[in-house]
Amino acid sequence: MGFYEIVSVGDGQARRMSEPMDWDGMLSDLAQVEVSGRTVDADARLVGTLVTHDMQDHLLLHRVKGAGEWLSVLNYRTGALRELEESAQEGYLDTSVTPPAREERHPEERSPAV
């Protein structure tokens, strides 16, 4: 399991977001970007994609597994395992779903506790 934080980058430095961002607008913009523009190479290669579910956009963050990571497929019927082979133009992914931003409500607007 991985935990990630969305940051802004300026002058080559990552900075925590000080103001809430227009999440829906950012996701809409991201949907128009080619995969190379949604890919970051750091300690691991990360790729962002967009999926819409129940009319709400969600950011999927994929960590591309390294060549040394053990990847197998289990046949549930027979119990047989087989190793996956990598292709130079494909990668296997660990995927995290980023939930949509929630609207912040002021304390006086919150529902009373029951």
C-alpha atoms as a PDB file:
ATOM      1  CA  MET A   1       0.000   0.000   0.000  1.00  0.00           C
ATOM      2  CA  GLY A   2       1.322   3.408  -0.875  1.00  0.00           C
ATOM      3  CA  PHE A   3       0.362   6.873   0.247  1.00  0.00           C
ATOM      4  CA  TYR A   4       0.834   9.827  -2.066  1.00  0.00           C
ATOM      5  CA  GLU A   5       0.330  13.552  -1.755  1.00  0.00           C
ATOM      6  CA  ILE A   6      -0.527  15.850  -4.628  1.00  0.00           C
ATOM      7  CA  VAL A   7       1.839  18.804  -4.605  1.00  0.00           C
ATOM      8  CA  SER A   8       2.590  21.793  -6.775  1.00  0.00           C
ATOM      9  CA  VAL A   9       5.971  22.076  -8.454  1.00  0.00           C
ATOM     10  CA  GLY A  10       7.767  25.323  -9.088  1.00  0.00           C
ATOM     11  CA  ASP A  11      11.458  26.000  -9.662  1.00  0.00           C
ATOM     12  CA  GLY A  12      12.040  22.252  -9.542  1.00  0.00           C
ATOM     13  CA  GLN A  13      10.791  22.035  -5.945  1.00  0.00           C
ATOM     14  CA  ALA A  14       7.665  20.193  -4.763  1.00  0.00           C
ATOM     15  CA  ARG A  15       5.532  22.228  -2.376  1.00  0.00           C
ATOM     16  CA  ARG A  16       2.467  21.292  -0.359  1.00  0.00           C
ATOM     17  CA  MET A  17      -0.721  22.868  -1.617  1.00  0.00           C
ATOM     18  CA  SER A  18      -1.600  25.849   0.563  1.00  0.00           C
ATOM     19  CA  GLU A  19      -5.006  26.464  -1.038  1.00  0.00           C
ATOM     20  CA  PRO A  20      -7.695  23.993  -2.118  1.00  0.00           C
ATOM     21  CA  MET A  21      -7.503  23.272  -5.814  1.00  0.00           C
ATOM     22  CA  ASP A  22     -10.219  23.003  -8.436  1.00  0.00           C
ATOM     23  CA  TRP A  23     -10.132  19.193  -8.399  1.00  0.00           C
ATOM     24  CA  ASP A  24     -12.781  18.707 -11.084  1.00  0.00           C
ATOM     25  CA  GLY A  25     -11.036  21.220 -13.345  1.00  0.00           C
ATOM     26  CA  MET A  26      -7.673  19.562 -12.769  1.00  0.00           C
ATOM     27  CA  LEU A  27      -9.096  16.134 -13.632  1.00  0.00           C
ATOM     28  CA  SER A  28     -10.738  17.560 -16.752  1.00  0.00           C
ATOM     29  CA  ASP A  29      -7.406  19.050 -17.834  1.00  0.00           C
ATOM     30  CA  LEU A  30      -5.572  15.807 -17.025  1.00  0.00           C
ATOM     31  CA  ALA A  31      -7.904  13.828 -19.283  1.00  0.00           C
ATOM     32  CA  GLN A  32      -6.541  15.798 -22.269  1.00  0.00           C
ATOM     33  CA  VAL A  33      -2.842  15.101 -21.545  1.00  0.00           C
ATOM     34  CA  GLU A  34      -0.877  12.371 -23.371  1.00  0.00           C
ATOM     35  CA  VAL A  35       0.449   9.505 -21.210  1.00  0.00           C
ATOM     36  CA  SER A  36       3.985  10.942 -21.292  1.00  0.00           C
ATOM     37  CA  GLY A  37       2.669  14.115 -19.622  1.00  0.00           C
ATOM     38  CA  ARG A  38       0.931  12.055 -16.924  1.00  0.00           C
ATOM     39  CA  THR A  39       4.069  10.051 -16.103  1.00  0.00           C
ATOM     40  CA  VAL A  40       6.603  10.848 -13.379  1.00  0.00           C
ATOM     41  CA  ASP A  41       9.870   8.993 -12.920  1.00  0.00           C
ATOM     42  CA  ALA A  42      10.996   9.165  -9.291  1.00  0.00           C
ATOM     43  CA  ASP A  43      11.868   6.246  -6.986  1.00  0.00           C
ATOM     44  CA  ALA A  44       9.309   4.417  -9.130  1.00  0.00           C
ATOM     45  CA  ARG A  45       7.525   5.268 -12.367  1.00  0.00           C
ATOM     46  CA  LEU A  46       4.058   6.689 -11.628  1.00  0.00           C
ATOM     47  CA  VAL A  47       1.322   7.164 -14.221  1.00  0.00           C
ATOM     48  CA  GLY A  48      -1.948   9.003 -13.638  1.00  0.00           C
ATOM     49  CA  THR A  49      -5.152   8.131 -15.484  1.00  0.00           C
ATOM     50  CA  LEU A  50      -8.725   9.270 -15.199  1.00  0.00           C
ATOM     51  CA  VAL A  51     -11.836   7.125 -14.819  1.00  0.00           C
ATOM     52  CA  THR A  52     -15.441   8.253 -14.462  1.00  0.00           C
ATOM     53  CA  HIS A  53     -17.742   6.321 -12.121  1.00  0.00           C
ATOM     54  CA  ASP A  54     -21.293   7.388 -11.235  1.00  0.00           C
ATOM     55  CA  MET A  55     -20.732  10.640 -13.161  1.00  0.00           C
ATOM     56  CA  GLN A  56     -17.776  11.532 -10.896  1.00  0.00           C
ATOM     57  CA  ASP A  57     -14.173  11.670 -12.141  1.00  0.00           C
ATOM     58  CA  HIS A  58     -11.511   9.816 -10.160  1.00  0.00           C
ATOM     59  CA  LEU A  59      -7.733   9.898 -10.449  1.00  0.00           C
ATOM     60  CA  LEU A  60      -6.059   6.507 -10.667  1.00  0.00           C
ATOM     61  CA  LEU A  61      -2.386   6.547  -9.753  1.00  0.00           C
ATOM     62  CA  HIS A  62      -0.467   3.565 -11.107  1.00  0.00           C
ATOM     63  CA  ARG A  63       2.979   2.484  -9.914  1.00  0.00           C
ATOM     64  CA  VAL A  64       4.680   0.563 -12.701  1.00  0.00           C
ATOM     65  CA  LYS A  65       6.168  -2.594 -11.211  1.00  0.00           C
ATOM     66  CA  GLY A  66       9.885  -3.123 -11.657  1.00  0.00           C
ATOM     67  CA  ALA A  67      11.346  -5.983 -13.677  1.00  0.00           C
ATOM     68  CA  GLY A  68      12.598  -7.658 -10.476  1.00  0.00           C
ATOM     69  CA  GLU A  69       9.191  -7.837  -8.817  1.00  0.00           C
ATOM     70  CA  TRP A  70       7.643 -11.285  -8.764  1.00  0.00           C
ATOM     71  CA  LEU A  71       4.424 -11.366 -10.771  1.00  0.00           C
ATOM     72  CA  SER A  72       2.362 -14.502 -11.158  1.00  0.00           C
ATOM     73  CA  VAL A  73      -1.110 -15.514 -12.275  1.00  0.00           C
ATOM     74  CA  LEU A  74      -3.164 -18.033 -10.282  1.00  0.00           C
ATOM     75  CA  ASN A  75      -5.642 -20.307 -12.025  1.00  0.00           C
ATOM     76  CA  TYR A  76      -8.422 -20.590  -9.410  1.00  0.00           C
ATOM     77  CA  ARG A  77      -9.791 -23.785 -10.940  1.00  0.00           C
ATOM     78  CA  THR A  78      -6.544 -25.780 -11.033  1.00  0.00           C
ATOM     79  CA  GLY A  79      -4.411 -23.916  -8.483  1.00  0.00           C
ATOM     80  CA  ALA A  80      -1.621 -23.644 -11.058  1.00  0.00           C
ATOM     81  CA  LEU A  81       0.699 -20.641 -11.001  1.00  0.00           C
ATOM     82  CA  ARG A  82       2.490 -19.164 -13.979  1.00  0.00           C
ATOM     83  CA  GLU A  83       4.868 -16.237 -14.151  1.00  0.00           C
ATOM     84  CA  LEU A  84       4.036 -13.202 -16.237  1.00  0.00           C
ATOM     85  CA  GLU A  85       6.530 -12.134 -18.853  1.00  0.00           C
ATOM     86  CA  GLU A  86       7.246  -8.470 -19.403  1.00  0.00           C
ATOM     87  CA  SER A  87       7.064  -6.761 -22.749  1.00  0.00           C
ATOM     88  CA  ALA A  88       9.250  -3.771 -23.599  1.00  0.00           C
ATOM     89  CA  GLN A  89       6.155  -1.698 -24.410  1.00  0.00           C
ATOM     90  CA  GLU A  90       3.955  -2.781 -21.499  1.00  0.00           C
ATOM     91  CA  GLY A  91       4.177  -2.640 -17.733  1.00  0.00           C
ATOM     92  CA  TYR A  92       2.330  -4.185 -14.819  1.00  0.00           C
ATOM     93  CA  LEU A  93       0.692  -1.761 -12.404  1.00  0.00           C
ATOM     94  CA  ASP A  94      -0.200  -1.314  -8.747  1.00  0.00           C
ATOM     95  CA  THR A  95      -3.184   1.032  -8.825  1.00  0.00           C
ATOM     96  CA  SER A  96      -4.417   3.457  -6.155  1.00  0.00           C
ATOM     97  CA  VAL A  97      -7.716   5.316  -6.449  1.00  0.00           C
ATOM     98  CA  THR A  98      -7.824   8.938  -5.390  1.00  0.00           C
ATOM     99  CA  PRO A  99     -11.339   9.784  -4.174  1.00  0.00           C
ATOM    100  CA  PRO A 100     -12.954  13.002  -5.364  1.00  0.00           C
ATOM    101  CA  ALA A 101     -12.416  16.073  -3.223  1.00  0.00           C
ATOM    102  CA  ARG A 102     -15.187  16.745  -0.761  1.00  0.00           C
ATOM    103  CA  GLU A 103     -16.652  20.149  -0.334  1.00  0.00           C
ATOM    104  CA  GLU A 104     -15.596  21.644   2.970  1.00  0.00           C
ATOM    105  CA  ARG A 105     -18.491  22.792   5.098  1.00  0.00           C
ATOM    106  CA  HIS A 106     -18.252  25.227   7.947  1.00  0.00           C
ATOM    107  CA  PRO A 107     -18.854  23.718  11.405  1.00  0.00           C
ATOM    108  CA  GLU A 108     -22.205  25.488  11.725  1.00  0.00           C
ATOM    109  CA  GLU A 109     -23.388  23.873   8.459  1.00  0.00           C
ATOM    110  CA  ARG A 110     -22.658  20.315   9.558  1.00  0.00           C
ATOM    111  CA  SER A 111     -25.455  18.009  10.555  1.00  0.00           C
ATOM    112  CA  PRO A 112     -25.958  17.785  14.313  1.00  0.00           C
ATOM    113  CA  ALA A 113     -24.613  14.671  16.025  1.00  0.00           C
ATOM    114  CA  VAL A 114     -27.262  12.135  16.983  1.00  0.00           C
END
